[in-house]
N, C-alpha and C. Protein backbone atom coordinates (compact mmCIF):
# COMPACT_ATOMS: atom_id res chain seq x y z
N MET A 1 112.81 145.50 86.64
CA MET A 1 113.40 144.49 85.98
C MET A 1 112.66 144.94 84.56
N GLY A 2 112.01 144.40 84.18
CA GLY A 2 110.94 144.52 83.39
C GLY A 2 111.87 146.78 82.16
N LEU A 3 111.80 147.05 82.28
CA LEU A 3 112.65 148.01 82.07
C LEU A 3 114.52 147.79 81.33
N THR A 4 114.61 147.15 82.73
CA THR A 4 116.49 146.53 82.42
C THR A 4 116.84 145.89 81.65
N CYS A 5 115.30 145.40 81.86
CA CYS A 5 115.49 143.90 79.70
C CYS A 5 115.08 144.46 78.79
N ARG A 6 114.56 145.40 78.75
CA ARG A 6 113.54 146.67 77.81
C ARG A 6 114.82 146.54 77.35
N ARG A 7 115.59 146.80 78.01
CA ARG A 7 117.35 148.13 77.57
C ARG A 7 118.26 148.10 77.74
N LEU A 8 118.17 145.95 77.68
CA LEU A 8 119.21 144.87 77.04
C LEU A 8 118.94 144.50 75.79
N ARG A 9 117.45 144.96 75.97
CA ARG A 9 117.47 144.23 74.33
C ARG A 9 117.30 144.88 73.47
N TRP A 10 117.35 146.40 72.87
CA TRP A 10 116.89 147.41 72.79
C TRP A 10 119.03 147.11 71.87
N ASP A 11 119.54 147.17 73.94
CA ASP A 11 121.14 147.47 72.77
C ASP A 11 121.53 145.92 72.42
N ARG A 12 121.22 145.24 72.48
CA ARG A 12 121.64 143.56 71.64
C ARG A 12 121.22 143.99 69.59
N VAL A 13 119.71 145.09 70.05
CA VAL A 13 119.63 144.90 68.90
C VAL A 13 120.30 145.52 67.61
N LEU A 14 120.80 147.10 68.80
CA LEU A 14 121.06 147.67 67.96
C LEU A 14 122.85 147.75 67.91
N GLY A 15 123.77 146.61 68.93
CA GLY A 15 124.47 146.32 68.59
C GLY A 15 124.99 145.64 66.87
N PHE A 16 123.87 144.40 67.46
CA PHE A 16 122.96 144.03 66.36
C PHE A 16 123.31 144.48 65.17
N SER A 17 123.27 145.63 64.31
CA SER A 17 122.48 146.36 63.45
C SER A 17 124.15 147.27 62.89
N ARG A 18 124.97 147.53 64.25
CA ARG A 18 125.49 148.33 64.12
C ARG A 18 127.45 146.95 63.36
N MET A 19 126.98 145.44 63.99
CA MET A 19 127.42 144.84 63.10
C MET A 19 127.62 144.53 61.89
N HIS A 20 126.18 144.48 61.43
CA HIS A 20 126.25 144.47 60.12
C HIS A 20 126.75 145.51 58.90
N LEU A 21 126.44 147.21 59.44
CA LEU A 21 127.08 147.76 58.83
C LEU A 21 128.72 148.25 59.07
N PHE A 22 129.24 148.12 60.02
CA PHE A 22 130.85 148.58 60.40
C PHE A 22 130.90 147.15 58.98
N SER A 23 130.88 145.62 60.07
CA SER A 23 131.66 144.59 58.99
C SER A 23 131.58 144.50 57.26
N GLY A 24 129.86 145.55 56.56
CA GLY A 24 130.25 144.87 55.43
C GLY A 24 130.50 146.85 55.03
N MET A 25 130.51 147.56 56.07
CA MET A 25 131.88 148.21 55.28
C MET A 25 132.96 147.62 54.97
N GLY A 26 134.08 147.04 55.99
CA GLY A 26 135.13 146.63 55.97
C GLY A 26 135.21 145.46 55.10
N VAL A 27 134.37 144.83 55.39
CA VAL A 27 135.18 143.47 53.52
C VAL A 27 134.49 143.71 52.58
N HIS A 28 133.17 145.73 52.40
CA HIS A 28 134.08 146.83 51.13
C HIS A 28 135.06 146.46 50.46
N TYR A 29 135.81 147.12 51.09
CA TYR A 29 137.12 147.62 51.70
C TYR A 29 138.84 146.53 51.61
N CYS A 30 138.06 145.26 52.04
CA CYS A 30 139.20 144.91 52.07
C CYS A 30 139.56 143.38 51.20
N GLU A 31 140.41 143.42 51.11
CA GLU A 31 141.36 142.65 49.74
C GLU A 31 141.73 140.97 50.49
N PRO A 32 141.52 139.76 50.83
CA PRO A 32 141.58 139.27 51.31
C PRO A 32 142.29 138.08 50.23
N ASP A 33 143.87 137.90 50.27
CA ASP A 33 144.45 137.56 49.38
C ASP A 33 144.99 136.14 50.70
N ASN A 34 144.73 136.31 51.25
CA ASN A 34 145.42 135.00 51.75
C ASN A 34 144.29 133.29 51.60
N ILE A 35 142.24 133.70 51.96
CA ILE A 35 141.32 133.05 51.21
C ILE A 35 141.11 132.39 50.40
N THR A 36 141.59 131.48 49.97
CA THR A 36 141.63 131.16 48.62
C THR A 36 140.18 131.43 47.02
N LEU A 37 138.60 131.15 48.26
CA LEU A 37 137.35 131.10 48.14
C LEU A 37 136.67 133.55 47.98
N LEU A 38 137.50 133.78 48.96
CA LEU A 38 137.10 135.25 48.82
C LEU A 38 138.19 135.73 48.15
N ASN A 39 139.18 135.77 47.39
CA ASN A 39 140.45 135.73 45.89
C ASN A 39 139.82 135.88 45.23
N SER A 40 138.40 134.00 44.75
CA SER A 40 138.12 134.60 43.40
C SER A 40 137.22 135.90 42.79
N SER A 41 137.67 135.75 42.08
CA SER A 41 136.52 136.90 40.93
C SER A 41 135.11 136.81 41.69
N SER A 42 134.45 135.93 41.09
CA SER A 42 133.06 134.91 42.49
C SER A 42 133.24 135.98 43.56
N GLY A 43 133.96 135.39 44.69
CA GLY A 43 133.92 135.47 45.96
C GLY A 43 133.96 137.06 46.64
N LYS A 44 135.09 137.82 45.74
CA LYS A 44 134.95 139.78 45.21
C LYS A 44 133.40 139.63 45.64
N ILE A 45 132.57 139.62 44.26
CA ILE A 45 131.82 139.88 44.32
C ILE A 45 130.53 139.53 45.68
N LEU A 46 130.46 138.63 45.50
CA LEU A 46 129.80 138.43 47.06
C LEU A 46 130.50 139.03 48.04
N LEU A 47 131.97 139.31 48.32
CA LEU A 47 131.29 140.79 49.37
C LEU A 47 131.07 141.79 48.90
N HIS A 48 131.28 141.93 48.31
CA HIS A 48 131.16 143.48 48.00
C HIS A 48 129.10 143.26 48.07
N VAL A 49 128.01 142.85 47.57
CA VAL A 49 126.61 142.53 47.85
C VAL A 49 126.93 142.64 48.49
N TYR A 50 127.07 141.81 49.27
CA TYR A 50 127.08 141.64 50.71
C TYR A 50 127.02 142.90 51.25
N ALA A 51 128.25 143.64 51.68
CA ALA A 51 128.63 144.83 51.59
C ALA A 51 127.87 146.26 51.35
N ASN A 52 127.02 146.35 49.91
CA ASN A 52 126.34 147.25 49.53
C ASN A 52 124.82 146.87 49.65
N VAL A 53 124.33 145.81 49.91
CA VAL A 53 123.20 145.30 50.40
C VAL A 53 122.68 145.70 51.48
N SER A 54 123.83 144.93 53.04
CA SER A 54 123.76 145.43 54.13
C SER A 54 123.88 147.34 54.35
N PHE A 55 124.47 147.75 53.70
CA PHE A 55 124.29 148.89 54.25
C PHE A 55 123.12 149.66 53.84
N MET A 56 123.04 149.47 52.60
CA MET A 56 121.52 149.89 51.42
C MET A 56 120.83 150.13 52.61
N ALA A 57 120.27 148.89 53.51
CA ALA A 57 119.38 148.21 53.69
C ALA A 57 119.03 148.81 55.34
N LEU A 58 120.01 148.77 56.56
CA LEU A 58 120.06 149.68 57.42
C LEU A 58 120.45 151.62 56.98
N THR A 59 121.06 151.62 56.02
CA THR A 59 121.05 153.42 55.82
C THR A 59 118.69 153.91 55.53
N ILE A 60 118.11 152.66 54.81
CA ILE A 60 117.40 152.67 54.60
C ILE A 60 116.45 152.40 55.57
N GLY A 61 116.21 151.92 56.24
CA GLY A 61 116.01 151.35 58.14
C GLY A 61 115.92 152.75 58.71
N GLY A 62 117.44 153.23 58.81
CA GLY A 62 117.47 153.66 60.21
C GLY A 62 115.93 155.16 59.57
N GLN A 63 116.46 155.54 57.95
CA GLN A 63 115.91 156.32 57.41
C GLN A 63 114.47 156.37 58.30
N ALA A 64 113.92 155.19 57.99
CA ALA A 64 112.89 154.69 57.91
C ALA A 64 111.88 154.85 58.86
N ALA A 65 113.33 154.79 60.10
CA ALA A 65 112.96 154.21 61.81
C ALA A 65 112.37 156.43 62.28
N GLY A 66 113.57 157.00 61.92
CA GLY A 66 113.93 158.27 62.25
C GLY A 66 111.82 159.18 61.35
N GLN A 67 111.44 158.33 59.97
CA GLN A 67 110.25 159.52 59.99
C GLN A 67 109.65 158.79 60.75
N PHE A 68 109.40 157.29 61.24
CA PHE A 68 108.50 156.52 62.18
C PHE A 68 107.93 157.25 63.54
N LEU A 69 109.29 157.40 64.24
CA LEU A 69 109.50 157.86 65.74
C LEU A 69 110.90 159.54 65.74
N TYR A 70 110.57 160.19 64.54
CA TYR A 70 110.69 161.69 64.88
C TYR A 70 109.08 162.24 65.87
N LEU A 71 109.46 162.64 66.46
CA LEU A 71 108.37 163.89 67.32
C LEU A 71 109.17 165.33 66.36
N THR A 72 107.89 165.23 65.96
CA THR A 72 108.47 166.98 66.00
C THR A 72 107.85 167.76 66.96
N THR A 73 108.68 169.28 66.42
CA THR A 73 108.96 170.43 66.98
C THR A 73 108.58 171.41 66.63
N PRO A 74 108.26 173.11 67.16
CA PRO A 74 107.39 173.75 66.16
C PRO A 74 108.87 173.95 64.99
N SER A 75 110.17 173.62 65.01
CA SER A 75 110.50 174.00 63.83
C SER A 75 110.88 173.33 63.16
N TYR A 76 109.82 172.53 62.43
CA TYR A 76 110.06 171.10 62.47
C TYR A 76 108.49 171.21 61.69
N THR A 77 109.71 171.75 60.02
CA THR A 77 108.26 172.28 59.20
C THR A 77 108.04 170.13 58.31
N ASP A 78 108.84 169.57 59.20
CA ASP A 78 107.83 168.35 57.98
C ASP A 78 107.21 167.26 58.66
N ASN A 79 105.70 167.56 57.90
CA ASN A 79 104.11 167.51 58.81
C ASN A 79 104.46 165.54 58.50
N SER A 80 105.91 164.65 57.83
CA SER A 80 106.27 163.55 57.74
C SER A 80 105.98 161.98 58.01
N SER A 81 105.78 163.49 59.80
CA SER A 81 105.90 161.91 61.00
C SER A 81 104.97 161.15 61.69
N PHE A 82 104.97 160.39 61.56
CA PHE A 82 104.62 159.82 62.22
C PHE A 82 103.15 159.67 63.65
N ALA A 83 104.39 159.99 64.38
CA ALA A 83 104.20 159.68 65.99
C ALA A 83 103.06 160.74 66.57
N PRO A 84 103.14 162.12 65.48
CA PRO A 84 102.15 162.22 66.54
C PRO A 84 100.40 162.21 65.60
N ASP A 85 100.18 161.40 65.19
CA ASP A 85 99.39 160.00 64.58
C ASP A 85 99.52 159.31 66.30
N ILE A 86 100.10 158.89 65.80
CA ILE A 86 100.12 157.66 66.92
C ILE A 86 99.04 158.43 68.15
N SER A 87 100.09 159.67 68.32
CA SER A 87 99.81 159.95 70.32
C SER A 87 97.94 160.09 70.22
N LYS A 88 97.88 160.90 68.72
CA LYS A 88 96.22 160.81 68.24
C LYS A 88 95.57 159.83 68.45
N ALA A 89 96.33 158.85 67.99
CA ALA A 89 95.27 157.87 67.87
C ALA A 89 95.14 157.09 69.00
N LYS A 90 96.33 157.30 70.19
CA LYS A 90 96.25 156.85 72.25
C LYS A 90 95.10 157.80 72.59
N SER A 91 94.38 158.72 71.92
CA SER A 91 94.18 159.21 73.08
C SER A 91 92.66 159.32 72.25
N SER A 92 92.89 159.31 71.23
CA SER A 92 91.08 159.19 71.07
C SER A 92 91.01 157.76 71.53
N SER A 93 91.73 156.72 71.72
CA SER A 93 91.11 155.32 72.13
C SER A 93 90.61 154.89 73.42
N ILE A 94 91.43 156.04 74.07
CA ILE A 94 91.09 156.37 75.75
C ILE A 94 90.14 157.01 75.69
N ASN A 95 89.22 158.13 74.87
CA ASN A 95 88.57 158.37 75.14
C ASN A 95 87.25 158.16 74.56
N VAL A 96 86.96 157.00 73.86
CA VAL A 96 86.28 155.97 73.13
C VAL A 96 85.49 155.26 74.29
N ASN A 97 87.30 154.29 74.12
CA ASN A 97 86.90 153.54 75.74
C ASN A 97 86.22 154.19 76.86
N ARG A 98 86.43 154.82 77.23
CA ARG A 98 85.57 155.57 78.77
C ARG A 98 84.32 156.30 78.12
N LEU A 99 84.01 156.40 77.03
CA LEU A 99 82.64 156.69 75.93
C LEU A 99 82.43 155.84 76.43
N MET A 100 82.29 154.58 75.81
CA MET A 100 81.86 153.10 75.45
C MET A 100 81.11 152.77 76.95
N GLU A 101 82.22 152.60 78.11
CA GLU A 101 82.53 152.28 80.05
C GLU A 101 81.63 153.41 80.55
N ARG A 102 81.55 154.73 80.21
CA ARG A 102 80.34 155.77 80.92
C ARG A 102 78.91 155.24 81.05
N VAL A 103 78.45 154.94 82.30
CA VAL A 103 76.28 155.25 82.59
C VAL A 103 76.65 156.37 82.54
N PRO A 104 75.33 156.38 81.59
CA PRO A 104 74.85 157.81 82.18
C PRO A 104 73.67 157.72 83.16
N VAL A 105 73.97 158.94 83.19
CA VAL A 105 73.34 159.48 84.72
C VAL A 105 71.11 158.60 83.92
N ILE A 106 70.90 159.44 83.20
CA ILE A 106 70.05 159.66 82.14
C ILE A 106 70.36 157.95 80.79
N ASP A 107 69.40 156.89 80.94
CA ASP A 107 69.71 156.11 80.61
C ASP A 107 68.78 155.49 79.49
N SER A 108 68.20 155.87 78.13
CA SER A 108 66.94 155.53 77.69
C SER A 108 67.29 153.57 77.38
N TRP A 109 67.97 153.30 77.18
CA TRP A 109 67.52 152.00 77.35
C TRP A 109 67.58 151.31 78.47
N SER A 110 67.52 151.34 79.17
CA SER A 110 67.14 151.43 80.92
C SER A 110 65.46 150.47 81.25
N ALA A 111 66.20 149.96 81.61
CA ALA A 111 63.66 148.78 81.40
C ALA A 111 63.61 149.45 82.80
N LYS A 112 64.31 150.20 83.85
CA LYS A 112 63.34 151.04 84.86
C LYS A 112 62.95 151.78 84.34
N GLY A 113 61.32 151.42 85.32
CA GLY A 113 60.30 152.95 85.38
C GLY A 113 59.28 152.22 85.13
N LYS A 114 58.14 153.08 85.01
CA LYS A 114 57.02 152.62 85.16
C LYS A 114 56.65 152.47 83.83
N ARG A 115 56.29 151.01 83.33
CA ARG A 115 55.82 151.26 81.46
C ARG A 115 54.46 151.35 81.17
N ILE A 116 54.58 152.54 80.39
CA ILE A 116 52.97 152.92 79.80
C ILE A 116 52.23 153.05 78.94
N GLU A 117 52.27 153.07 78.30
CA GLU A 117 51.16 153.22 76.36
C GLU A 117 51.33 154.11 75.83
N SER A 118 50.27 154.82 77.26
CA SER A 118 49.46 156.08 76.75
C SER A 118 49.55 156.79 77.74
N LEU A 119 49.48 158.60 77.61
CA LEU A 119 49.45 159.35 78.93
C LEU A 119 48.51 159.67 78.99
N GLU A 120 47.64 159.50 80.38
CA GLU A 120 46.67 159.21 80.40
C GLU A 120 45.68 160.90 80.34
N THR A 121 46.02 162.23 80.18
CA THR A 121 45.40 162.84 80.23
C THR A 121 47.12 163.93 79.87
N GLY A 122 48.21 163.53 79.91
CA GLY A 122 49.16 164.92 79.52
C GLY A 122 48.95 166.47 80.47
N HIS A 123 48.58 166.25 81.79
CA HIS A 123 49.24 167.38 82.04
C HIS A 123 50.10 167.66 82.91
N LEU A 124 50.79 169.02 82.41
CA LEU A 124 51.65 168.94 82.89
C LEU A 124 51.72 170.22 83.85
N GLU A 125 52.50 169.67 84.71
CA GLU A 125 53.13 170.96 85.94
C GLU A 125 54.59 170.59 85.97
N PHE A 126 55.26 171.67 86.14
CA PHE A 126 56.96 172.24 86.89
C PHE A 126 56.45 172.84 88.02
N LYS A 127 56.98 172.85 89.04
CA LYS A 127 57.07 172.87 89.75
C LYS A 127 58.51 172.99 90.73
N ASP A 128 58.93 174.91 90.93
CA ASP A 128 60.46 175.74 91.48
C ASP A 128 61.50 174.69 91.12
N VAL A 129 61.12 174.97 89.82
CA VAL A 129 62.47 174.38 88.81
C VAL A 129 63.66 175.62 89.30
N HIS A 130 64.33 174.42 89.23
CA HIS A 130 66.47 175.32 89.37
C HIS A 130 67.00 174.61 87.76
N PHE A 131 67.18 175.03 87.31
CA PHE A 131 68.94 173.99 86.59
C PHE A 131 69.70 175.02 85.63
N ARG A 132 71.35 174.45 86.06
CA ARG A 132 71.48 174.44 84.83
C ARG A 132 72.30 173.35 83.74
N TYR A 133 72.89 174.16 82.92
CA TYR A 133 73.95 173.62 82.44
C TYR A 133 75.06 172.55 82.47
N PRO A 134 75.44 171.30 82.65
CA PRO A 134 76.83 170.47 83.44
C PRO A 134 77.64 171.58 82.88
N THR A 135 77.33 171.95 81.22
CA THR A 135 79.41 172.60 81.06
C THR A 135 79.01 173.87 80.98
N ARG A 136 78.10 174.56 81.54
CA ARG A 136 77.71 175.72 82.06
C ARG A 136 77.36 176.12 82.94
N PRO A 137 78.17 175.35 84.80
CA PRO A 137 77.61 175.93 85.64
C PRO A 137 77.72 176.79 86.07
N HIS A 138 78.27 177.04 86.41
CA HIS A 138 77.76 179.12 86.65
C HIS A 138 76.63 179.80 86.23
N VAL A 139 75.95 179.31 85.17
CA VAL A 139 74.92 180.31 84.63
C VAL A 139 73.66 179.78 84.83
N PRO A 140 73.10 180.17 86.04
CA PRO A 140 71.92 179.84 86.02
C PRO A 140 70.79 180.06 84.18
N VAL A 141 70.11 179.19 84.36
CA VAL A 141 69.30 179.10 83.21
C VAL A 141 67.82 179.20 83.39
N LEU A 142 67.34 178.59 84.61
CA LEU A 142 66.19 178.50 85.33
C LEU A 142 65.82 178.75 86.78
N ARG A 143 65.62 180.18 87.51
CA ARG A 143 64.65 179.80 88.37
C ARG A 143 63.50 179.71 89.07
N GLY A 144 63.59 179.21 89.79
CA GLY A 144 62.52 179.38 90.38
C GLY A 144 60.96 178.92 89.10
N LEU A 145 61.23 178.09 88.34
CA LEU A 145 60.32 178.02 87.58
C LEU A 145 59.03 176.97 87.13
N ASN A 146 57.86 178.11 87.63
CA ASN A 146 56.08 177.23 88.16
C ASN A 146 55.73 177.35 86.94
N PHE A 147 54.82 177.26 86.28
CA PHE A 147 53.64 176.56 85.28
C PHE A 147 53.25 175.37 85.09
N GLU A 148 51.81 175.63 85.41
CA GLU A 148 50.98 174.28 84.93
C GLU A 148 50.52 174.85 83.48
N VAL A 149 50.39 173.23 82.80
CA VAL A 149 49.49 173.49 81.60
C VAL A 149 48.47 172.78 82.03
N LYS A 150 47.45 172.59 81.69
CA LYS A 150 46.17 171.41 81.57
C LYS A 150 45.74 170.96 80.14
N PRO A 151 45.31 169.52 80.35
CA PRO A 151 44.87 169.33 78.73
C PRO A 151 44.30 169.68 78.63
N GLY A 152 44.68 169.94 76.22
CA GLY A 152 43.48 171.06 76.12
C GLY A 152 44.34 172.34 76.31
N GLN A 153 45.45 172.42 76.64
CA GLN A 153 45.71 173.97 76.82
C GLN A 153 46.73 174.53 75.63
N TYR A 154 46.43 175.29 74.92
CA TYR A 154 47.93 175.52 75.02
C TYR A 154 49.12 176.61 75.46
N VAL A 155 49.94 176.24 75.35
CA VAL A 155 50.93 177.22 75.78
C VAL A 155 52.28 177.57 74.63
N ALA A 156 52.73 178.98 75.41
CA ALA A 156 53.29 179.28 73.91
C ALA A 156 54.37 180.24 75.24
N LEU A 157 56.09 179.77 75.66
CA LEU A 157 56.92 180.69 76.24
C LEU A 157 57.50 181.07 74.98
N VAL A 158 58.29 182.21 75.98
CA VAL A 158 58.42 183.95 74.78
C VAL A 158 59.27 184.56 75.62
N GLY A 159 60.43 184.71 75.47
CA GLY A 159 61.38 185.80 75.33
C GLY A 159 62.37 185.38 75.31
N SER A 160 63.69 185.68 75.17
CA SER A 160 64.54 186.42 74.60
C SER A 160 65.77 184.83 74.45
N SER A 161 66.44 185.34 73.25
CA SER A 161 67.81 183.99 73.69
C SER A 161 68.56 183.62 74.56
N GLY A 162 68.10 182.74 74.91
CA GLY A 162 68.76 182.83 76.44
C GLY A 162 68.17 181.94 77.46
N CYS A 163 67.03 182.67 77.47
CA CYS A 163 66.14 182.85 78.70
C CYS A 163 65.79 181.31 79.15
N GLY A 164 65.88 180.11 78.52
CA GLY A 164 65.62 179.13 79.28
C GLY A 164 63.82 178.50 78.29
N LYS A 165 63.33 178.93 77.18
CA LYS A 165 61.72 177.86 76.50
C LYS A 165 62.68 176.42 75.72
N SER A 166 63.59 176.81 75.37
CA SER A 166 64.47 175.58 75.26
C SER A 166 64.16 174.32 75.39
N THR A 167 65.12 175.60 76.60
CA THR A 167 65.40 174.47 78.09
C THR A 167 64.12 173.66 79.20
N ALA A 168 63.22 174.45 79.23
CA ALA A 168 61.95 173.85 79.29
C ALA A 168 61.31 172.38 78.60
N VAL A 169 61.30 172.96 77.55
CA VAL A 169 61.18 171.83 76.21
C VAL A 169 61.92 169.99 77.16
N GLY A 170 63.08 170.44 77.32
CA GLY A 170 64.51 169.81 76.90
C GLY A 170 64.20 168.83 78.30
N LEU A 171 63.96 169.71 79.40
CA LEU A 171 63.00 169.02 81.47
C LEU A 171 62.42 168.35 80.39
N ILE A 172 61.31 168.86 80.32
CA ILE A 172 59.93 167.58 79.01
C ILE A 172 60.41 166.41 78.59
N GLU A 173 61.26 166.57 77.95
CA GLU A 173 61.88 165.05 77.02
C GLU A 173 62.57 164.12 78.31
N ARG A 174 63.01 164.82 79.56
CA ARG A 174 64.06 164.27 79.85
C ARG A 174 65.32 163.89 79.52
N PHE A 175 65.61 164.90 78.32
CA PHE A 175 67.20 165.30 78.31
C PHE A 175 67.88 165.79 79.63
N TYR A 176 67.93 166.25 80.45
CA TYR A 176 68.30 166.62 81.20
C TYR A 176 67.52 166.67 82.53
N ASP A 177 68.14 166.02 83.58
CA ASP A 177 67.05 166.32 85.66
C ASP A 177 67.37 167.86 85.89
N PRO A 178 66.36 168.25 85.94
CA PRO A 178 66.10 169.54 87.03
C PRO A 178 66.59 169.40 88.17
N MET A 179 67.78 170.37 88.59
CA MET A 179 68.93 170.46 89.73
C MET A 179 68.33 170.41 90.91
N VAL A 180 66.85 171.77 91.04
CA VAL A 180 65.93 171.72 92.41
C VAL A 180 64.52 171.67 91.61
N GLY A 181 63.23 171.20 92.51
CA GLY A 181 62.22 171.30 91.61
C GLY A 181 61.90 170.35 91.02
N GLU A 182 60.18 170.22 90.50
CA GLU A 182 60.24 168.46 89.55
C GLU A 182 59.01 169.03 88.50
N VAL A 183 59.79 168.63 87.49
CA VAL A 183 58.42 168.57 86.79
C VAL A 183 57.47 167.58 86.72
N LEU A 184 56.42 167.65 86.52
CA LEU A 184 55.47 166.33 86.31
C LEU A 184 54.61 166.20 86.12
N VAL A 185 54.27 165.53 84.73
CA VAL A 185 53.15 164.98 84.10
C VAL A 185 52.12 163.37 84.79
N ASP A 186 51.06 163.76 84.09
CA ASP A 186 49.56 163.38 85.18
C ASP A 186 50.61 163.02 86.58
N GLY A 187 50.52 163.54 87.48
CA GLY A 187 51.22 163.85 88.86
C GLY A 187 52.27 163.26 89.27
N MET A 188 53.01 162.70 88.58
CA MET A 188 53.83 161.39 88.66
C MET A 188 55.21 162.33 88.42
N ASN A 189 56.51 162.84 88.67
CA ASN A 189 58.09 162.96 87.94
C ASN A 189 57.93 162.19 87.03
N VAL A 190 58.66 162.76 85.94
CA VAL A 190 58.44 162.03 84.98
C VAL A 190 59.85 161.37 85.56
N GLY A 191 61.19 161.52 86.12
CA GLY A 191 62.13 160.21 85.92
C GLY A 191 61.52 159.07 86.86
N GLY A 192 60.06 158.97 87.04
CA GLY A 192 59.95 158.05 87.49
C GLY A 192 58.89 156.78 86.07
N TYR A 193 58.59 157.15 84.74
CA TYR A 193 58.57 156.62 83.92
C TYR A 193 60.04 156.05 83.53
N ASN A 194 58.94 154.64 82.43
CA ASN A 194 60.15 154.35 82.00
C ASN A 194 60.39 154.86 80.69
N LEU A 195 61.97 155.68 80.74
CA LEU A 195 62.25 156.96 79.40
C LEU A 195 62.12 155.79 78.84
N SER A 196 61.73 154.89 77.52
CA SER A 196 61.30 155.15 76.28
C SER A 196 60.51 154.77 75.89
N GLU A 197 59.13 154.36 76.63
CA GLU A 197 58.54 154.25 76.70
C GLU A 197 57.61 155.82 77.18
N TYR A 198 57.99 156.27 77.97
CA TYR A 198 57.43 157.72 77.98
C TYR A 198 57.85 159.17 77.04
N ARG A 199 58.47 159.03 75.87
CA ARG A 199 59.48 159.56 74.94
C ARG A 199 58.47 159.00 74.03
N LYS A 200 58.31 157.82 74.21
CA LYS A 200 57.03 157.34 72.65
C LYS A 200 55.17 158.25 72.80
N ASN A 201 55.23 158.54 73.83
CA ASN A 201 53.47 159.70 73.62
C ASN A 201 54.22 161.02 73.87
N ILE A 202 55.82 161.88 73.02
CA ILE A 202 55.52 163.75 73.02
C ILE A 202 55.87 162.95 71.65
N SER A 203 56.12 163.80 71.42
CA SER A 203 56.35 164.85 69.80
C SER A 203 57.11 166.11 69.72
N LEU A 204 57.88 166.53 69.16
CA LEU A 204 59.01 167.82 69.45
C LEU A 204 59.14 168.14 68.21
N VAL A 205 58.99 168.67 68.11
CA VAL A 205 60.23 169.33 66.46
C VAL A 205 60.56 170.66 66.96
N SER A 206 62.37 170.43 66.70
CA SER A 206 62.94 171.49 67.10
C SER A 206 63.42 173.01 66.20
N GLN A 207 64.09 173.57 67.40
CA GLN A 207 63.95 174.67 66.05
C GLN A 207 64.88 174.56 64.39
N GLU A 208 63.56 175.45 63.86
CA GLU A 208 65.01 175.28 63.07
C GLU A 208 64.75 174.02 62.17
N PRO A 209 64.06 173.51 61.76
CA PRO A 209 64.25 172.11 60.62
C PRO A 209 64.48 172.54 60.05
N THR A 210 64.31 171.19 59.83
CA THR A 210 65.00 171.34 58.06
C THR A 210 63.95 169.57 57.59
N TYR A 211 62.99 170.22 56.87
CA TYR A 211 62.08 169.69 56.23
C TYR A 211 62.56 169.18 54.57
N SER A 212 63.68 169.71 54.25
CA SER A 212 63.98 168.61 52.47
C SER A 212 65.21 169.54 52.56
N SER A 213 65.75 168.58 52.30
CA SER A 213 67.92 168.89 51.69
C SER A 213 67.73 169.53 50.41
N SER A 214 66.35 169.77 49.64
CA SER A 214 67.12 170.39 48.75
C SER A 214 66.66 172.18 47.99
């Protein structure tokens, strides 16, 4: 029903515009001998002005509508159409709304978890940790990683590119959660801490840091 009403409404608009177009063209060429007002010089001028204004308005309006609604094709080289921009804006707004409404699995603003002012000792332990990135689920990064770092110890993770060195640090920071296994800090799974308070007690200098833009 809504579609039918919409079609009828557009049919009326199209009919009204066509009426003005053809009536203006007809008046432009007519000679109103039997009408006293229109037979005068001022009446003829009025008719010609009406015809020209109607014709030019509809012509320019049609060109603008064509430019606005024309869907480009591979053979159409003019990029002045707004239709592709409208579709891009629509899809972008949908993606933004989805992003704003999405509830992340790891929520840094969440009030849940154990709140701490400082870590007790900083004892770190990886227990049989397996991990794959969500964007590359077919590529295993960590496969049964086990190691322990006691308070006061220094540890260097050495390996080829892509072996999981940065991934291990990301799991400590809880940028991700392991698929299997646990990451323990002071004997407690990092997922049990309040994330905001937990990260306040950890410092990280990423790879290739930029100290100055000069």
